[in-house]
């Protein structure tokens, strides 16, 4: 059987560039080589594309970025015969599927997905609109409010011209301290701060605005931090529950990727009906936001009353050695190799809205 060509895309112009390389290395390392031929393509921080060595460690370490053997690549969204896909050494190569193992802005916010859709090349993960909405925390809040999904109370600051003091006034009128301040369009807790008083709130808003002109401010939930992995084009696979026990004050970027002491607990000892509600809500959120392929859904379980509160969704979750998504799938008997195969298969079986137009 002829192998399918899978372009594993990693890196990107994003604050999460380094994490994306580590996730990409995991896919390169575990993809089924009997079934797939891999084209490892990295995007540097300056936006240049390169075909790199098919070596997980070279990708993981970032050495590919300065490797003289890396070959410049051009991606064309044209569907014209003989000039579409990847231009490598003067020859066009059209992958059967693209696996964008990329996190953050310019990667999982619909930008890349739009490029692949224009080219008519199947790709792993959510479509353009779903990717954009899920990446934007404010839009996610709006859609989930419409869908009746329980969430933390929140305030949006979308007008960059609004003075920070004014934003702080609005927050204090609705929320109590401490508050969490987040850029609307970053992942991996980049730019996220916990504010315990007004001075810290003002500093946190200014910090978040360094990453995005739109900022989300949320009430603090005193609860267990829980995550659930979902797979498929209609949430066909929903994992068990994982609990995060960060040793830092909250699950920051550093706690997620650099602090090995942050503990992950699988199948925590909660009542069966609570676990069932968490898994059902994960699937409900996934379908409400029209997710495809894979996503990780994050929750709080409030300690005071046991209420399940949706926090965030990540449409291209991390695949590093300490990432929750692959570990949750492994807990239900789906190995890394099988997981990668399954999400690639979803790219070929998904149904788009405008089927007559490709």
Protein backbone atom coordinates (compact mmCIF):
# COMPACT_ATOMS: atom_id res chain seq x y z
CA UNK A 1 0.00 0.00 0.00
CA UNK A 2 1.32 3.42 -0.93
CA UNK A 3 2.18 5.52 2.09
CA UNK A 4 0.28 8.75 2.69
CA UNK A 5 2.47 11.85 2.83
CA UNK A 6 1.95 13.73 6.08
CA UNK A 7 3.47 17.18 6.48
CA UNK A 8 4.21 17.61 10.19
CA UNK A 9 4.31 21.37 10.69
CA UNK A 10 5.86 22.85 13.84
CA UNK A 11 7.44 26.02 15.24
CA UNK A 12 5.65 29.14 14.05
CA UNK A 13 5.60 32.87 14.65
CA UNK A 14 4.24 32.56 18.16
CA UNK A 15 5.30 32.97 21.80
CA UNK A 16 4.78 29.20 21.99
CA UNK A 17 7.32 28.43 19.25
CA UNK A 18 9.63 26.32 21.44
CA UNK A 19 6.77 24.24 22.88
CA UNK A 20 5.50 23.62 19.35
CA UNK A 21 8.89 22.21 18.38
CA UNK A 22 8.76 19.82 21.31
CA UNK A 23 5.24 18.75 20.37
CA UNK A 24 6.26 18.31 16.74
CA UNK A 25 9.15 16.11 17.81
CA UNK A 26 6.75 13.82 19.64
CA UNK A 27 4.61 13.36 16.51
CA UNK A 28 7.69 12.72 14.34
CA UNK A 29 8.92 10.20 16.89
CA UNK A 30 5.68 8.23 17.24
CA UNK A 31 3.91 8.47 13.87
CA UNK A 32 3.26 5.13 12.17
CA UNK A 33 6.08 4.84 9.62
CA UNK A 34 4.52 1.75 8.06
CA UNK A 35 1.57 3.83 6.95
CA UNK A 36 2.86 7.40 6.65
CA UNK A 37 5.75 9.18 4.96
CA UNK A 38 6.74 12.25 6.97
CA UNK A 39 7.64 15.68 5.65
CA UNK A 40 8.92 17.57 8.72
CA UNK A 41 8.53 21.30 8.06
CA UNK A 42 9.48 23.92 10.61
CA UNK A 43 8.50 27.58 10.62
CA UNK A 44 11.10 29.81 12.23
CA UNK A 45 10.23 32.75 14.46
CA UNK A 46 10.86 35.07 11.50
CA UNK A 47 8.24 33.20 9.46
CA UNK A 48 10.59 31.33 7.12
CA UNK A 49 9.61 27.72 6.25
CA UNK A 50 12.18 24.90 6.07
CA UNK A 51 12.12 21.19 5.33
CA UNK A 52 14.19 19.79 8.17
CA UNK A 53 15.98 16.57 8.99
CA UNK A 54 13.57 13.77 9.87
CA UNK A 55 14.97 13.59 13.38
CA UNK A 56 12.89 14.13 16.50
CA UNK A 57 15.82 15.31 18.62
CA UNK A 58 16.88 17.92 16.04
CA UNK A 59 13.33 19.29 16.08
CA UNK A 60 12.95 19.08 19.86
CA UNK A 61 16.19 20.93 20.57
CA UNK A 62 15.59 23.64 17.97
CA UNK A 63 18.83 22.72 16.16
CA UNK A 64 16.89 22.53 12.87
CA UNK A 65 16.67 26.33 12.81
CA UNK A 66 20.43 26.71 12.22
CA UNK A 67 21.07 23.41 10.46
CA UNK A 68 22.63 24.18 7.04
CA UNK A 69 20.98 21.02 5.71
CA UNK A 70 17.50 22.49 6.27
CA UNK A 71 15.96 23.32 2.89
CA UNK A 72 13.88 26.48 2.31
CA UNK A 73 10.25 25.71 1.49
CA UNK A 74 7.46 27.74 -0.06
CA UNK A 75 3.82 26.81 0.57
CA UNK A 76 1.34 27.67 -2.15
CA UNK A 77 -2.44 27.66 -1.59
CA UNK A 78 -3.01 27.35 -5.33
CA UNK A 79 -5.02 24.35 -6.45
CA UNK A 80 -3.62 24.44 -9.98
CA UNK A 81 -2.23 21.14 -11.19
CA UNK A 82 1.53 20.95 -10.74
CA UNK A 83 1.93 24.08 -8.62
CA UNK A 84 0.30 23.45 -5.28
CA UNK A 85 1.47 22.41 -1.83
CA UNK A 86 5.15 22.65 -0.94
CA UNK A 87 7.84 23.86 -3.31
CA UNK A 88 11.01 21.99 -2.30
CA UNK A 89 14.21 22.28 -4.34
CA UNK A 90 12.23 23.44 -7.35
CA UNK A 91 9.74 20.57 -7.18
CA UNK A 92 6.13 20.68 -6.03
CA UNK A 93 5.09 18.18 -3.35
CA UNK A 94 1.43 18.01 -2.39
CA UNK A 95 0.98 16.31 1.01
CA UNK A 96 -2.01 14.07 1.53
CA UNK A 97 -2.55 15.74 4.90
CA UNK A 98 -1.02 18.46 7.06
CA UNK A 99 -0.61 17.95 10.79
CA UNK A 100 -0.05 21.44 12.26
CA UNK A 101 1.49 20.66 15.63
CA UNK A 102 1.48 24.35 16.41
CA UNK A 103 0.35 26.38 19.37
CA UNK A 104 -0.66 30.00 19.84
CA UNK A 105 -1.26 32.94 17.54
CA UNK A 106 -0.62 32.58 13.79
CA UNK A 107 -0.86 28.83 14.33
CA UNK A 108 -4.08 27.58 15.89
CA UNK A 109 -6.17 30.75 15.55
CA UNK A 110 -7.55 29.95 12.09
CA UNK A 111 -4.68 31.54 10.17
CA UNK A 112 -2.99 28.31 9.15
CA UNK A 113 -6.29 26.51 8.81
CA UNK A 114 -7.45 29.08 6.25
CA UNK A 115 -4.28 28.56 4.24
CA UNK A 116 -4.75 24.79 4.15
CA UNK A 117 -8.42 25.15 3.25
CA UNK A 118 -7.56 27.46 0.34
CA UNK A 119 -5.13 24.81 -0.90
CA UNK A 120 -7.73 22.08 -0.55
CA UNK A 121 -5.39 19.94 1.55
CA UNK A 122 -6.89 17.96 4.45
CA UNK A 123 -5.52 18.98 7.84
CA UNK A 124 -5.68 17.79 11.42
CA UNK A 125 -7.75 19.79 13.86
CA UNK A 126 -10.55 22.32 13.91
CA UNK A 127 -11.68 24.37 10.93
CA UNK A 128 -11.14 28.09 10.40
CA UNK A 129 -14.08 29.50 12.36
CA UNK A 130 -13.85 27.00 15.21
CA UNK A 131 -10.10 27.55 15.57
CA UNK A 132 -10.53 31.32 15.67
CA UNK A 133 -13.38 31.26 18.19
CA UNK A 134 -11.71 28.72 20.48
CA UNK A 135 -8.42 30.63 20.42
CA UNK A 136 -10.15 33.86 21.39
CA UNK A 137 -11.11 33.54 25.04
CA UNK A 138 -13.69 36.33 24.84
CA UNK A 139 -15.51 34.80 21.87
CA UNK A 140 -15.37 31.41 23.57
CA UNK A 141 -17.03 32.96 26.60
CA UNK A 142 -19.74 34.50 24.43
CA UNK A 143 -20.56 31.27 22.58
CA UNK A 144 -20.54 29.17 25.75
CA UNK A 145 -22.75 31.69 27.52
CA UNK A 146 -25.22 31.30 24.64
CA UNK A 147 -24.93 27.52 24.97
CA UNK A 148 -25.65 27.56 28.70
CA UNK A 149 -22.23 26.24 29.73
CA UNK A 150 -21.37 27.23 33.36
CA UNK A 151 -18.34 29.55 33.47
CA UNK A 152 -16.54 31.95 35.79
CA UNK A 153 -17.84 35.54 35.83
CA UNK A 154 -15.85 37.74 33.48
CA UNK A 155 -15.17 41.19 32.09
CA UNK A 156 -13.88 41.91 28.59
CA UNK A 157 -11.60 44.79 27.66
CA UNK A 158 -11.71 44.94 23.86
CA UNK A 159 -11.02 48.65 23.25
CA UNK A 160 -7.28 49.31 23.42
CA UNK A 161 -8.01 53.03 23.79
CA UNK A 162 -9.86 52.46 27.08
CA UNK A 163 -7.56 53.56 29.93
CA UNK A 164 -6.35 50.77 32.16
CA UNK A 165 -7.80 52.56 35.19
CA UNK A 166 -11.24 52.46 33.55
CA UNK A 167 -10.92 48.74 32.88
CA UNK A 168 -9.93 48.20 36.51
CA UNK A 169 -12.99 50.19 37.65
CA UNK A 170 -15.28 47.93 35.59
CA UNK A 171 -13.61 44.82 36.97
CA UNK A 172 -13.92 45.96 40.57
CA UNK A 173 -17.61 46.75 40.03
CA UNK A 174 -18.31 43.14 39.03
CA UNK A 175 -15.58 40.89 40.40
CA UNK A 176 -13.83 40.37 43.72
CA UNK A 177 -10.11 39.92 44.25
CA UNK A 178 -8.17 37.92 43.34
CA UNK A 179 -8.80 38.07 39.58
CA UNK A 180 -7.16 36.35 36.62
CA UNK A 181 -6.11 38.53 33.70
CA UNK A 182 -5.54 36.91 30.30
CA UNK A 183 -4.72 38.08 26.78
CA UNK A 184 -7.66 37.00 24.64
CA UNK A 185 -5.56 35.16 22.07
CA UNK A 186 -2.64 33.39 23.68
CA UNK A 187 -2.29 29.82 24.89
CA UNK A 188 -0.10 27.98 27.40
CA UNK A 189 -0.86 30.73 29.97
CA UNK A 190 1.36 33.22 28.09
CA UNK A 191 0.75 36.70 29.50
CA UNK A 192 -1.61 35.44 32.23
CA UNK A 193 -1.43 36.99 35.71
CA UNK A 194 -3.21 36.68 39.03
CA UNK A 195 -4.07 40.04 40.57
CA UNK A 196 -4.73 40.32 44.30
CA UNK A 197 -5.26 44.08 44.52
CA UNK A 198 -5.83 47.12 42.31
CA UNK A 199 -2.16 47.87 41.69
CA UNK A 200 -1.56 44.27 40.63
CA UNK A 201 -4.70 44.35 38.45
CA UNK A 202 -3.52 47.45 36.58
CA UNK A 203 -0.08 45.90 36.07
CA UNK A 204 -1.66 42.64 34.90
CA UNK A 205 -3.90 44.38 32.36
CA UNK A 206 -0.92 46.29 30.98
CA UNK A 207 1.06 43.04 30.78
CA UNK A 208 -1.75 41.22 28.99
CA UNK A 209 -2.03 44.09 26.50
CA UNK A 210 1.57 43.44 25.50
CA UNK A 211 0.32 40.22 23.88
CA UNK A 212 -3.15 41.22 22.67
CA UNK A 213 -5.20 44.40 22.42
CA UNK A 214 -8.17 42.42 23.83
CA UNK A 215 -8.04 41.22 27.42
CA UNK A 216 -10.23 38.91 29.51
CA UNK A 217 -10.54 39.34 33.27
CA UNK A 218 -12.13 36.53 35.27
CA UNK A 219 -13.17 35.85 38.83
CA UNK A 220 -10.96 33.49 40.77
CA UNK A 221 -12.45 30.02 41.23
CA UNK A 222 -11.27 28.13 44.28
CA UNK A 223 -11.46 24.71 42.76
CA UNK A 224 -9.67 21.66 41.46
CA UNK A 225 -8.06 22.19 38.04
CA UNK A 226 -9.22 19.41 35.74
CA UNK A 227 -8.72 18.50 32.09
CA UNK A 228 -10.40 16.14 29.63
CA UNK A 229 -9.16 15.02 26.20
CA UNK A 230 -11.66 14.76 23.35
CA UNK A 231 -11.09 13.22 19.92
CA UNK A 232 -13.07 12.82 16.71
CA UNK A 233 -15.28 14.87 14.43
CA UNK A 234 -18.24 14.56 16.79
CA UNK A 235 -16.57 13.91 20.16
CA UNK A 236 -16.55 10.15 19.57
CA UNK A 237 -13.77 9.64 22.14
CA UNK A 238 -13.83 11.35 25.54
CA UNK A 239 -11.08 10.48 28.00
CA UNK A 240 -11.18 10.21 31.74
CA UNK A 241 -10.30 13.18 33.93
CA UNK A 242 -6.84 14.49 34.74
CA UNK A 243 -6.12 16.80 37.66
CA UNK A 244 -3.38 19.41 37.68
CA UNK A 245 -1.55 20.13 40.95
CA UNK A 246 0.80 23.02 40.12
CA UNK A 247 3.47 23.74 42.69
CA UNK A 248 3.34 27.39 41.62
CA UNK A 249 0.45 29.70 42.49
CA UNK A 250 -1.35 28.85 39.26
CA UNK A 251 -0.72 26.72 36.19
CA UNK A 252 1.49 29.25 34.40
CA UNK A 253 3.57 28.73 31.26
CA UNK A 254 6.57 27.92 33.45
CA UNK A 255 4.56 25.45 35.55
CA UNK A 256 3.25 23.73 32.41
CA UNK A 257 6.51 23.29 30.54
CA UNK A 258 9.49 23.94 32.80
CA UNK A 259 8.47 22.78 36.27
CA UNK A 260 8.55 19.00 36.44
CA UNK A 261 7.33 19.12 40.04
CA UNK A 262 3.82 20.10 38.95
CA UNK A 263 1.85 16.90 39.47
CA UNK A 264 -0.70 15.33 37.15
CA UNK A 265 -3.22 13.01 38.77
CA UNK A 266 -5.28 10.70 36.60
CA UNK A 267 -8.81 9.54 37.43
CA UNK A 268 -8.99 11.58 40.67
CA UNK A 269 -11.33 10.30 43.36
CA UNK A 270 -14.47 12.30 42.63
CA UNK A 271 -18.06 10.96 42.71
CA UNK A 272 -19.01 8.98 39.60
CA UNK A 273 -21.78 11.44 38.76
CA UNK A 274 -19.30 14.34 38.87
CA UNK A 275 -16.91 12.55 36.52
CA UNK A 276 -19.80 11.75 34.18
CA UNK A 277 -20.88 15.41 34.18
CA UNK A 278 -17.32 16.57 33.46
CA UNK A 279 -17.02 14.20 30.50
CA UNK A 280 -20.47 15.13 29.18
CA UNK A 281 -19.74 18.84 29.48
CA UNK A 282 -16.42 18.35 27.66
CA UNK A 283 -18.27 16.73 24.76
CA UNK A 284 -20.98 19.43 24.86
CA UNK A 285 -18.38 22.22 24.65
CA UNK A 286 -16.53 20.40 21.86
CA UNK A 287 -19.70 20.10 19.76
CA UNK A 288 -20.98 23.59 20.61
CA UNK A 289 -17.74 25.12 19.33
CA UNK A 290 -17.76 22.81 16.26
CA UNK A 291 -14.41 21.25 17.12
CA UNK A 292 -12.90 18.57 14.89
CA UNK A 293 -10.02 16.16 15.30
CA UNK A 294 -8.92 16.84 18.85
CA UNK A 295 -9.15 19.30 21.72
CA UNK A 296 -8.41 19.44 25.42
CA UNK A 297 -11.18 20.90 27.57
CA UNK A 298 -10.23 22.48 30.90
CA UNK A 299 -12.47 22.86 33.94
CA UNK A 300 -12.63 23.91 37.55
CA UNK A 301 -14.52 21.81 40.06
CA UNK A 302 -15.47 24.37 42.68
CA UNK A 303 -14.59 23.18 46.15
CA UNK A 304 -17.41 24.98 47.95
CA UNK A 305 -20.29 23.29 46.14
CA UNK A 306 -18.81 20.78 43.64
CA UNK A 307 -20.03 22.79 40.64
CA UNK A 308 -18.42 22.00 37.26
CA UNK A 309 -17.18 25.24 35.67
CA UNK A 310 -15.76 25.34 32.14
CA UNK A 311 -12.47 27.24 31.91
CA UNK A 312 -10.88 27.00 28.45
CA UNK A 313 -10.52 24.80 25.38
CA UNK A 314 -7.29 24.11 23.52
CA UNK A 315 -7.77 22.96 19.93
CA UNK A 316 -4.13 21.95 19.36
CA UNK A 317 -2.98 20.80 22.80
CA UNK A 318 0.62 20.17 23.71
CA UNK A 319 2.26 16.86 22.88
CA UNK A 320 5.33 17.28 25.09
CA UNK A 321 6.58 14.66 27.53
CA UNK A 322 4.53 16.24 30.35
CA UNK A 323 1.44 17.22 28.35
CA UNK A 324 -1.94 16.07 29.60
CA UNK A 325 -3.66 15.22 26.28
CA UNK A 326 -1.51 12.25 25.20
CA UNK A 327 -1.33 11.00 28.78
CA UNK A 328 -5.12 11.02 29.10
CA UNK A 329 -5.47 9.12 25.83
CA UNK A 330 -2.87 6.61 26.97
CA UNK A 331 -4.92 6.03 30.14
CA UNK A 332 -7.84 4.78 28.04
CA UNK A 333 -5.62 2.47 26.00
CA UNK A 334 -4.80 4.73 23.05
CA UNK A 335 -1.03 4.84 22.50
CA UNK A 336 0.74 7.86 21.05
CA UNK A 337 1.04 6.13 17.68
CA UNK A 338 -2.63 5.16 17.59
CA UNK A 339 -3.67 8.63 18.73
CA UNK A 340 -1.68 10.26 15.91
CA UNK A 341 -3.16 7.84 13.37
CA UNK A 342 -6.69 8.49 14.58
CA UNK A 343 -6.47 12.28 14.45
CA UNK A 344 -4.97 12.08 10.95
CA UNK A 345 -7.90 9.88 9.92
CA UNK A 346 -10.34 12.53 11.17
CA UNK A 347 -8.83 14.96 8.66
CA UNK A 348 -9.94 12.70 5.80
CA UNK A 349 -13.43 11.99 7.15
CA UNK A 350 -14.54 15.43 8.33
CA UNK A 351 -17.48 17.06 6.59
CA UNK A 352 -17.24 20.77 5.81
CA UNK A 353 -20.28 23.01 5.50
CA UNK A 354 -19.90 23.94 1.84
CA UNK A 355 -19.32 20.53 0.36
CA UNK A 356 -19.99 21.67 -3.23
CA UNK A 357 -17.01 24.01 -3.15
CA UNK A 358 -14.32 21.62 -1.86
